[in-house]
């Protein structure tokens, strides 16, 4: 077998290599599972994706770490629902090229808006629709890989198989790098949106605090004003009472004087 034939045989393997194992929507359990049941399920469904036999698809430690890093909501009495499993499937694929922080940013709105949702658009519906899109897009991916294979073969057709394989790896890596950059930029835009939402929420909280503070100050001012008015009213009433007493006393004195004058001869 010469070197060109070896690279030619590589083409026959490409079709197999670029069809990873998937978890069909109907294969996801609808009953709650314990952690060891989940790891067994994931390993059985995705074992074809292992590069080496000793590789682990999902472990208990991984699941615990995902919960600690807020990628996965807590279990319910050590049991995990169908929505938990869907999130774990996404994490399994995303962790291969995204940081924990990026995955958290990406999945947070999903968890907040759709986790354990029973009506309307649910996580099960989202998984089913995206799974269908992935299967359609897989045709384009396989076509693209075949085109890259052809480019590498044409570029180094007369050279050894190493250069052809190397060229193919570089072209695929460039494709992955460019798309990874795009994915990261898209996640950054989500961070900005989430940041704006938090800032808006913070602004609303600050506005509420300001309104409560202003209302408190206005209430205090009204109480002070009422107290001052009450004090002034009391003073006026006291002054009026004193004036009335003086007038009464003066009137009595005048009447007494008049009576005294009338008794004189």
C-alpha atoms as a PDB file:
ATOM      1  CA  UNK A   1       0.000   0.000   0.000  1.00  0.00           C
ATOM      2  CA  UNK A   2       1.617   3.268  -1.097  1.00  0.00           C
ATOM      3  CA  UNK A   3       1.296   6.625   0.654  1.00  0.00           C
ATOM      4  CA  UNK A   4      -1.230   8.085  -1.796  1.00  0.00           C
ATOM      5  CA  UNK A   5      -3.489   5.083  -1.266  1.00  0.00           C
ATOM      6  CA  UNK A   6      -3.228   5.592   2.508  1.00  0.00           C
ATOM      7  CA  UNK A   7      -4.475   9.172   2.185  1.00  0.00           C
ATOM      8  CA  UNK A   8      -7.145   7.961  -0.222  1.00  0.00           C
ATOM      9  CA  UNK A   9      -8.306   5.440   2.340  1.00  0.00           C
ATOM     10  CA  UNK A  10      -8.539   8.293   4.841  1.00  0.00           C
ATOM     11  CA  UNK A  11     -11.433   9.643   2.824  1.00  0.00           C
ATOM     12  CA  UNK A  12     -13.391   6.480   3.526  1.00  0.00           C
ATOM     13  CA  UNK A  13     -12.977   7.045   7.261  1.00  0.00           C
ATOM     14  CA  UNK A  14     -14.064  10.688   7.208  1.00  0.00           C
ATOM     15  CA  UNK A  15     -17.730   9.872   6.802  1.00  0.00           C
ATOM     16  CA  UNK A  16     -17.604   7.721   9.927  1.00  0.00           C
ATOM     17  CA  UNK A  17     -15.474  10.102  11.988  1.00  0.00           C
ATOM     18  CA  UNK A  18     -17.687  13.132  11.432  1.00  0.00           C
ATOM     19  CA  UNK A  19     -20.870  11.389  12.538  1.00  0.00           C
ATOM     20  CA  UNK A  20     -20.604  11.481  16.348  1.00  0.00           C
ATOM     21  CA  UNK A  21     -23.053   9.729  18.610  1.00  0.00           C
ATOM     22  CA  UNK A  22     -26.123  11.761  19.506  1.00  0.00           C
ATOM     23  CA  UNK A  23     -28.843  11.304  22.074  1.00  0.00           C
ATOM     24  CA  UNK A  24     -32.165  11.132  20.300  1.00  0.00           C
ATOM     25  CA  UNK A  25     -34.889  13.260  21.956  1.00  0.00           C
ATOM     26  CA  UNK A  26     -37.081  10.196  22.454  1.00  0.00           C
ATOM     27  CA  UNK A  27     -34.232   8.356  24.228  1.00  0.00           C
ATOM     28  CA  UNK A  28     -33.974  10.875  27.075  1.00  0.00           C
ATOM     29  CA  UNK A  29     -35.662   9.378  30.174  1.00  0.00           C
ATOM     30  CA  UNK A  30     -38.822  11.110  31.289  1.00  0.00           C
ATOM     31  CA  UNK A  31     -38.462   9.836  34.861  1.00  0.00           C
ATOM     32  CA  UNK A  32     -36.083  11.294  37.435  1.00  0.00           C
ATOM     33  CA  UNK A  33     -32.717   9.555  37.763  1.00  0.00           C
ATOM     34  CA  UNK A  34     -30.057   9.277  40.429  1.00  0.00           C
ATOM     35  CA  UNK A  35     -26.546  10.467  39.586  1.00  0.00           C
ATOM     36  CA  UNK A  36     -25.088   7.011  38.922  1.00  0.00           C
ATOM     37  CA  UNK A  37     -28.000   6.270  36.584  1.00  0.00           C
ATOM     38  CA  UNK A  38     -27.235   9.457  34.646  1.00  0.00           C
ATOM     39  CA  UNK A  39     -23.540   8.634  34.235  1.00  0.00           C
ATOM     40  CA  UNK A  40     -24.471   5.138  33.018  1.00  0.00           C
ATOM     41  CA  UNK A  41     -27.027   6.566  30.577  1.00  0.00           C
ATOM     42  CA  UNK A  42     -24.603   9.162  29.172  1.00  0.00           C
ATOM     43  CA  UNK A  43     -21.806   6.618  28.769  1.00  0.00           C
ATOM     44  CA  UNK A  44     -24.080   4.182  26.969  1.00  0.00           C
ATOM     45  CA  UNK A  45     -25.466   6.818  24.599  1.00  0.00           C
ATOM     46  CA  UNK A  46     -22.210   8.647  23.791  1.00  0.00           C
ATOM     47  CA  UNK A  47     -19.500   6.002  24.109  1.00  0.00           C
ATOM     48  CA  UNK A  48     -18.895   6.145  20.355  1.00  0.00           C
ATOM     49  CA  UNK A  49     -17.466   9.664  20.849  1.00  0.00           C
ATOM     50  CA  UNK A  50     -14.597   8.432  23.016  1.00  0.00           C
ATOM     51  CA  UNK A  51     -11.125   8.908  21.557  1.00  0.00           C
ATOM     52  CA  UNK A  52      -9.681   6.358  23.969  1.00  0.00           C
ATOM     53  CA  UNK A  53     -11.512   3.532  25.660  1.00  0.00           C
ATOM     54  CA  UNK A  54     -10.576   4.789  29.153  1.00  0.00           C
ATOM     55  CA  UNK A  55     -12.077   8.239  28.512  1.00  0.00           C
ATOM     56  CA  UNK A  56     -15.050   9.196  30.679  1.00  0.00           C
ATOM     57  CA  UNK A  57     -18.171  10.707  29.156  1.00  0.00           C
ATOM     58  CA  UNK A  58     -19.626  11.934  32.460  1.00  0.00           C
ATOM     59  CA  UNK A  59     -18.667  11.298  36.086  1.00  0.00           C
ATOM     60  CA  UNK A  60     -20.244  12.126  39.461  1.00  0.00           C
ATOM     61  CA  UNK A  61     -17.416  14.575  40.130  1.00  0.00           C
ATOM     62  CA  UNK A  62     -18.146  16.374  36.875  1.00  0.00           C
ATOM     63  CA  UNK A  63     -21.845  16.689  37.706  1.00  0.00           C
ATOM     64  CA  UNK A  64     -21.073  17.992  41.204  1.00  0.00           C
ATOM     65  CA  UNK A  65     -18.661  20.555  39.749  1.00  0.00           C
ATOM     66  CA  UNK A  66     -21.276  21.707  37.232  1.00  0.00           C
ATOM     67  CA  UNK A  67     -23.699  22.301  40.106  1.00  0.00           C
ATOM     68  CA  UNK A  68     -21.070  24.162  42.138  1.00  0.00           C
ATOM     69  CA  UNK A  69     -20.292  26.403  39.162  1.00  0.00           C
ATOM     70  CA  UNK A  70     -24.002  27.171  38.597  1.00  0.00           C
ATOM     71  CA  UNK A  71     -24.124  25.380  35.253  1.00  0.00           C
ATOM     72  CA  UNK A  72     -26.669  22.906  36.569  1.00  0.00           C
ATOM     73  CA  UNK A  73     -29.561  23.564  38.995  1.00  0.00           C
ATOM     74  CA  UNK A  74     -29.522  21.510  42.207  1.00  0.00           C
ATOM     75  CA  UNK A  75     -31.062  18.062  42.209  1.00  0.00           C
ATOM     76  CA  UNK A  76     -34.363  17.337  43.926  1.00  0.00           C
ATOM     77  CA  UNK A  77     -33.656  14.895  46.756  1.00  0.00           C
ATOM     78  CA  UNK A  78     -30.610  13.599  44.828  1.00  0.00           C
ATOM     79  CA  UNK A  79     -32.723  12.966  41.719  1.00  0.00           C
ATOM     80  CA  UNK A  80     -32.273  14.666  38.348  1.00  0.00           C
ATOM     81  CA  UNK A  81     -35.061  15.448  35.904  1.00  0.00           C
ATOM     82  CA  UNK A  82     -35.241  15.298  32.122  1.00  0.00           C
ATOM     83  CA  UNK A  83     -34.336  19.002  31.993  1.00  0.00           C
ATOM     84  CA  UNK A  84     -31.204  18.268  34.052  1.00  0.00           C
ATOM     85  CA  UNK A  85     -30.186  15.625  31.518  1.00  0.00           C
ATOM     86  CA  UNK A  86     -30.746  18.011  28.595  1.00  0.00           C
ATOM     87  CA  UNK A  87     -28.491  20.589  30.239  1.00  0.00           C
ATOM     88  CA  UNK A  88     -25.842  17.912  30.868  1.00  0.00           C
ATOM     89  CA  UNK A  89     -25.925  16.951  27.178  1.00  0.00           C
ATOM     90  CA  UNK A  90     -25.308  20.566  26.162  1.00  0.00           C
ATOM     91  CA  UNK A  91     -22.527  20.898  28.740  1.00  0.00           C
ATOM     92  CA  UNK A  92     -20.906  17.699  27.434  1.00  0.00           C
ATOM     93  CA  UNK A  93     -20.550  19.171  23.945  1.00  0.00           C
ATOM     94  CA  UNK A  94     -19.786  22.771  24.949  1.00  0.00           C
ATOM     95  CA  UNK A  95     -17.028  21.958  27.460  1.00  0.00           C
ATOM     96  CA  UNK A  96     -14.815  20.726  24.623  1.00  0.00           C
ATOM     97  CA  UNK A  97     -14.201  24.249  23.351  1.00  0.00           C
ATOM     98  CA  UNK A  98     -15.731  26.742  25.820  1.00  0.00           C
ATOM     99  CA  UNK A  99     -14.708  27.828  29.301  1.00  0.00           C
ATOM    100  CA  UNK A 100     -16.905  27.149  32.332  1.00  0.00           C
ATOM    101  CA  UNK A 101     -17.600  30.886  32.539  1.00  0.00           C
ATOM    102  CA  UNK A 102     -18.789  31.032  28.916  1.00  0.00           C
ATOM    103  CA  UNK A 103     -20.990  27.967  29.349  1.00  0.00           C
ATOM    104  CA  UNK A 104     -22.515  29.545  32.440  1.00  0.00           C
ATOM    105  CA  UNK A 105     -23.283  32.740  30.522  1.00  0.00           C
ATOM    106  CA  UNK A 106     -24.815  30.749  27.676  1.00  0.00           C
ATOM    107  CA  UNK A 107     -26.971  28.444  29.794  1.00  0.00           C
ATOM    108  CA  UNK A 108     -28.101  30.904  32.477  1.00  0.00           C
ATOM    109  CA  UNK A 109     -31.002  32.368  30.435  1.00  0.00           C
ATOM    110  CA  UNK A 110     -31.989  28.832  29.404  1.00  0.00           C
ATOM    111  CA  UNK A 111     -32.140  27.749  33.042  1.00  0.00           C
ATOM    112  CA  UNK A 112     -33.934  30.889  34.218  1.00  0.00           C
ATOM    113  CA  UNK A 113     -36.574  30.911  31.476  1.00  0.00           C
ATOM    114  CA  UNK A 114     -37.191  27.280  30.538  1.00  0.00           C
ATOM    115  CA  UNK A 115     -35.943  24.906  33.250  1.00  0.00           C
ATOM    116  CA  UNK A 116     -38.832  22.813  34.631  1.00  0.00           C
ATOM    117  CA  UNK A 117     -41.287  24.854  32.578  1.00  0.00           C
ATOM    118  CA  UNK A 118     -44.440  22.819  31.963  1.00  0.00           C
ATOM    119  CA  UNK A 119     -46.409  25.017  29.565  1.00  0.00           C
ATOM    120  CA  UNK A 120     -45.523  26.841  26.353  1.00  0.00           C
ATOM    121  CA  UNK A 121     -42.021  26.413  24.963  1.00  0.00           C
ATOM    122  CA  UNK A 122     -40.193  23.904  27.171  1.00  0.00           C
ATOM    123  CA  UNK A 123     -36.616  22.642  27.250  1.00  0.00           C
ATOM    124  CA  UNK A 124     -37.791  19.394  25.656  1.00  0.00           C
ATOM    125  CA  UNK A 125     -39.263  21.333  22.734  1.00  0.00           C
ATOM    126  CA  UNK A 126     -36.059  23.333  22.335  1.00  0.00           C
ATOM    127  CA  UNK A 127     -33.912  20.183  22.392  1.00  0.00           C
ATOM    128  CA  UNK A 128     -36.117  18.472  19.801  1.00  0.00           C
ATOM    129  CA  UNK A 129     -36.053  21.437  17.400  1.00  0.00           C
ATOM    130  CA  UNK A 130     -32.303  22.009  17.745  1.00  0.00           C
ATOM    131  CA  UNK A 131     -31.634  18.297  17.308  1.00  0.00           C
ATOM    132  CA  UNK A 132     -33.519  18.382  14.004  1.00  0.00           C
ATOM    133  CA  UNK A 133     -31.518  21.433  12.884  1.00  0.00           C
ATOM    134  CA  UNK A 134     -28.247  19.733  13.850  1.00  0.00           C
ATOM    135  CA  UNK A 135     -29.108  16.730  11.718  1.00  0.00           C
ATOM    136  CA  UNK A 136     -29.817  18.988   8.741  1.00  0.00           C
ATOM    137  CA  UNK A 137     -26.662  21.010   9.291  1.00  0.00           C
ATOM    138  CA  UNK A 138     -24.634  17.803   9.611  1.00  0.00           C
ATOM    139  CA  UNK A 139     -25.026  17.315   5.838  1.00  0.00           C
ATOM    140  CA  UNK A 140     -23.310  20.664   5.228  1.00  0.00           C
ATOM    141  CA  UNK A 141     -20.541  19.818   7.699  1.00  0.00           C
ATOM    142  CA  UNK A 142     -19.778  16.534   5.949  1.00  0.00           C
ATOM    143  CA  UNK A 143     -19.741  18.293   2.599  1.00  0.00           C
ATOM    144  CA  UNK A 144     -17.382  20.954   3.951  1.00  0.00           C
ATOM    145  CA  UNK A 145     -14.987  18.318   5.326  1.00  0.00           C
ATOM    146  CA  UNK A 146     -14.925  16.548   1.975  1.00  0.00           C
ATOM    147  CA  UNK A 147     -14.102  19.861   0.280  1.00  0.00           C
ATOM    148  CA  UNK A 148     -11.213  20.435   2.692  1.00  0.00           C
ATOM    149  CA  UNK A 149      -9.965  16.919   1.970  1.00  0.00           C
ATOM    150  CA  UNK A 150     -10.022  17.687  -1.750  1.00  0.00           C
ATOM    151  CA  UNK A 151      -8.121  20.958  -1.258  1.00  0.00           C
ATOM    152  CA  UNK A 152      -5.385  19.244   0.753  1.00  0.00           C
ATOM    153  CA  UNK A 153      -5.068  16.459  -1.813  1.00  0.00           C
ATOM    154  CA  UNK A 154      -4.859  18.903  -4.718  1.00  0.00           C
ATOM    155  CA  UNK A 155      -2.318  21.123  -2.936  1.00  0.00           C
ATOM    156  CA  UNK A 156       0.096  18.277  -2.204  1.00  0.00           C
ATOM    157  CA  UNK A 157      -0.985  15.666  -4.694  1.00  0.00           C
ATOM    158  CA  UNK A 158       2.582  14.686  -5.617  1.00  0.00           C
ATOM    159  CA  UNK A 159       3.902  14.865  -2.046  1.00  0.00           C
ATOM    160  CA  UNK A 160       3.764  12.384   0.840  1.00  0.00           C
ATOM    161  CA  UNK A 161       0.622  11.705   2.827  1.00  0.00           C
ATOM    162  CA  UNK A 162       1.940  13.568   5.854  1.00  0.00           C
ATOM    163  CA  UNK A 163       1.746  16.929   4.064  1.00  0.00           C
ATOM    164  CA  UNK A 164      -1.747  16.199   2.813  1.00  0.00           C
ATOM    165  CA  UNK A 165      -2.888  15.195   6.313  1.00  0.00           C
ATOM    166  CA  UNK A 166      -1.080  18.175   7.842  1.00  0.00           C
ATOM    167  CA  UNK A 167      -2.740  20.555   5.371  1.00  0.00           C
ATOM    168  CA  UNK A 168      -6.132  19.080   6.134  1.00  0.00           C
ATOM    169  CA  UNK A 169      -5.576  19.438   9.890  1.00  0.00           C
ATOM    170  CA  UNK A 170      -4.488  23.082   9.477  1.00  0.00           C
ATOM    171  CA  UNK A 171      -7.523  23.941   7.343  1.00  0.00           C
ATOM    172  CA  UNK A 172      -9.900  22.228   9.763  1.00  0.00           C
ATOM    173  CA  UNK A 173      -8.198  23.962  12.694  1.00  0.00           C
ATOM    174  CA  UNK A 174      -8.570  27.338  11.005  1.00  0.00           C
ATOM    175  CA  UNK A 175     -12.263  26.607  10.477  1.00  0.00           C
ATOM    176  CA  UNK A 176     -12.649  25.607  14.141  1.00  0.00           C
ATOM    177  CA  UNK A 177     -10.672  28.637  15.346  1.00  0.00           C
ATOM    178  CA  UNK A 178     -12.730  31.085  13.276  1.00  0.00           C
ATOM    179  CA  UNK A 179     -16.011  29.587  14.478  1.00  0.00           C
ATOM    180  CA  UNK A 180     -14.799  29.441  18.078  1.00  0.00           C
ATOM    181  CA  UNK A 181     -13.942  33.147  17.850  1.00  0.00           C
ATOM    182  CA  UNK A 182     -17.442  33.829  16.549  1.00  0.00           C
ATOM    183  CA  UNK A 183     -19.035  31.748  19.310  1.00  0.00           C
ATOM    184  CA  UNK A 184     -17.059  33.631  21.956  1.00  0.00           C
ATOM    185  CA  UNK A 185     -18.099  36.997  20.486  1.00  0.00           C
ATOM    186  CA  UNK A 186     -21.731  35.899  20.517  1.00  0.00           C
ATOM    187  CA  UNK A 187     -21.409  34.839  24.158  1.00  0.00           C
ATOM    188  CA  UNK A 188     -19.800  38.204  24.956  1.00  0.00           C
ATOM    189  CA  UNK A 189     -22.853  39.896  23.459  1.00  0.00           C
ATOM    190  CA  UNK A 190     -25.022  37.810  25.811  1.00  0.00           C
ATOM    191  CA  UNK A 191     -22.869  38.964  28.725  1.00  0.00           C
ATOM    192  CA  UNK A 192     -23.476  42.578  27.700  1.00  0.00           C
ATOM    193  CA  UNK A 193     -27.234  41.991  27.491  1.00  0.00           C
ATOM    194  CA  UNK A 194     -27.263  40.262  30.877  1.00  0.00           C
ATOM    195  CA  UNK A 195     -25.103  43.059  32.273  1.00  0.00           C
ATOM    196  CA  UNK A 196     -27.510  45.677  30.941  1.00  0.00           C
ATOM    197  CA  UNK A 197     -30.394  43.773  32.478  1.00  0.00           C
ATOM    198  CA  UNK A 198     -28.596  43.682  35.810  1.00  0.00           C
ATOM    199  CA  UNK A 199     -27.742  47.369  35.524  1.00  0.00           C
ATOM    200  CA  UNK A 200     -31.369  48.155  34.713  1.00  0.00           C
ATOM    201  CA  UNK A 201     -32.466  46.105  37.685  1.00  0.00           C
ATOM    202  CA  UNK A 202     -29.894  47.825  39.874  1.00  0.00           C
ATOM    203  CA  UNK A 203     -31.022  51.218  38.592  1.00  0.00           C
ATOM    204  CA  UNK A 204     -34.618  50.316  39.434  1.00  0.00           C
ATOM    205  CA  UNK A 205     -33.539  49.287  42.919  1.00  0.00           C
ATOM    206  CA  UNK A 206     -31.634  52.540  43.374  1.00  0.00           C
ATOM    207  CA  UNK A 207     -34.617  54.494  42.081  1.00  0.00           C
ATOM    208  CA  UNK A 208     -36.893  52.676  44.530  1.00  0.00           C
ATOM    209  CA  UNK A 209     -34.470  53.402  47.365  1.00  0.00           C
ATOM    210  CA  UNK A 210     -34.379  57.070  46.366  1.00  0.00           C
ATOM    211  CA  UNK A 211     -38.181  57.247  46.238  1.00  0.00           C
ATOM    212  CA  UNK A 212     -38.479  55.581  49.645  1.00  0.00           C
ATOM    213  CA  UNK A 213     -35.877  57.945  51.065  1.00  0.00           C
ATOM    214  CA  UNK A 214     -37.658  60.986  49.591  1.00  0.00           C
ATOM    215  CA  UNK A 215     -41.007  59.746  50.894  1.00  0.00           C
ATOM    216  CA  UNK A 216     -39.506  59.232  54.332  1.00  0.00           C
ATOM    217  CA  UNK A 217     -38.054  62.743  54.314  1.00  0.00           C
ATOM    218  CA  UNK A 218     -41.351  64.220  53.100  1.00  0.00           C
ATOM    219  CA  UNK A 219     -43.204  62.375  55.865  1.00  0.00           C
ATOM    220  CA  UNK A 220     -40.775  63.688  58.454  1.00  0.00           C
ATOM    221  CA  UNK A 221     -41.155  67.229  57.072  1.00  0.00           C
ATOM    222  CA  UNK A 222     -44.943  66.937  57.156  1.00  0.00           C
ATOM    223  CA  UNK A 223     -44.803  65.727  60.751  1.00  0.00           C
ATOM    224  CA  UNK A 224     -42.525  68.630  61.700  1.00  0.00           C
ATOM    225  CA  UNK A 225     -44.829  71.079  59.928  1.00  0.00           C
ATOM    226  CA  UNK A 226     -47.879  69.616  61.662  1.00  0.00           C
ATOM    227  CA  UNK A 227     -46.096  69.777  64.989  1.00  0.00           C
ATOM    228  CA  UNK A 228     -45.117  73.417  64.403  1.00  0.00           C
ATOM    229  CA  UNK A 229     -48.649  74.287  63.337  1.00  0.00           C
ATOM    230  CA  UNK A 230     -50.061  72.556  66.417  1.00  0.00           C
ATOM    231  CA  UNK A 231     -47.615  74.398  68.652  1.00  0.00           C
ATOM    232  CA  UNK A 232     -48.517  77.721  66.997  1.00  0.00           C
ATOM    233  CA  UNK A 233     -52.222  76.965  67.351  1.00  0.00           C
ATOM    234  CA  UNK A 234     -51.732  76.187  71.037  1.00  0.00           C
ATOM    235  CA  UNK A 235     -49.862  79.455  71.503  1.00  0.00           C
ATOM    236  CA  UNK A 236     -52.608  81.386  69.729  1.00  0.00           C
ATOM    237  CA  UNK A 237     -55.276  79.650  71.799  1.00  0.00           C
ATOM    238  CA  UNK A 238     -53.353  80.386  74.994  1.00  0.00           C
ATOM    239  CA  UNK A 239     -52.925  84.040  74.011  1.00  0.00           C
ATOM    240  CA  UNK A 240     -56.613  84.330  73.126  1.00  0.00           C
ATOM    241  CA  UNK A 241     -57.561  82.712  76.460  1.00  0.00           C
ATOM    242  CA  UNK A 242     -55.337  85.146  78.347  1.00  0.00           C
ATOM    243  CA  UNK A 243     -56.796  88.099  76.424  1.00  0.00           C
ATOM    244  CA  UNK A 244     -60.316  86.872  77.147  1.00  0.00           C
ATOM    245  CA  UNK A 245     -59.509  86.538  80.846  1.00  0.00           C
ATOM    246  CA  UNK A 246     -58.056  90.039  80.889  1.00  0.00           C
ATOM    247  CA  UNK A 247     -61.139  91.403  79.154  1.00  0.00           C
ATOM    248  CA  UNK A 248     -63.391  89.548  81.591  1.00  0.00           C
ATOM    249  CA  UNK A 249     -61.425  90.818  84.537  1.00  0.00           C
ATOM    250  CA  UNK A 250     -61.521  94.349  83.140  1.00  0.00           C
ATOM    251  CA  UNK A 251     -65.285  94.062  82.578  1.00  0.00           C
ATOM    252  CA  UNK A 252     -65.852  92.915  86.156  1.00  0.00           C
ATOM    253  CA  UNK A 253     -63.749  95.774  87.454  1.00  0.00           C
ATOM    254  CA  UNK A 254     -65.728  98.288  85.318  1.00  0.00           C
ATOM    255  CA  UNK A 255     -69.079  96.914  86.540  1.00  0.00           C
ATOM    256  CA  UNK A 256     -67.855  97.063  90.111  1.00  0.00           C
ATOM    257  CA  UNK A 257     -66.815 100.697  89.641  1.00  0.00           C
ATOM    258  CA  UNK A 258     -70.186 101.587  88.136  1.00  0.00           C
ATOM    259  CA  UNK A 259     -72.052 100.022  91.046  1.00  0.00           C
ATOM    260  CA  UNK A 260     -69.823 101.871  93.465  1.00  0.00           C
ATOM    261  CA  UNK A 261     -70.594 105.205  91.753  1.00  0.00           C
ATOM    262  CA  UNK A 262     -74.316 104.528  91.900  1.00  0.00           C
ATOM    263  CA  UNK A 263     -74.262 104.078  95.680  1.00  0.00           C
ATOM    264  CA  UNK A 264     -72.626 107.449  96.278  1.00  0.00           C
ATOM    265  CA  UNK A 265     -75.043 110.318  97.545  1.00  0.00           C
END
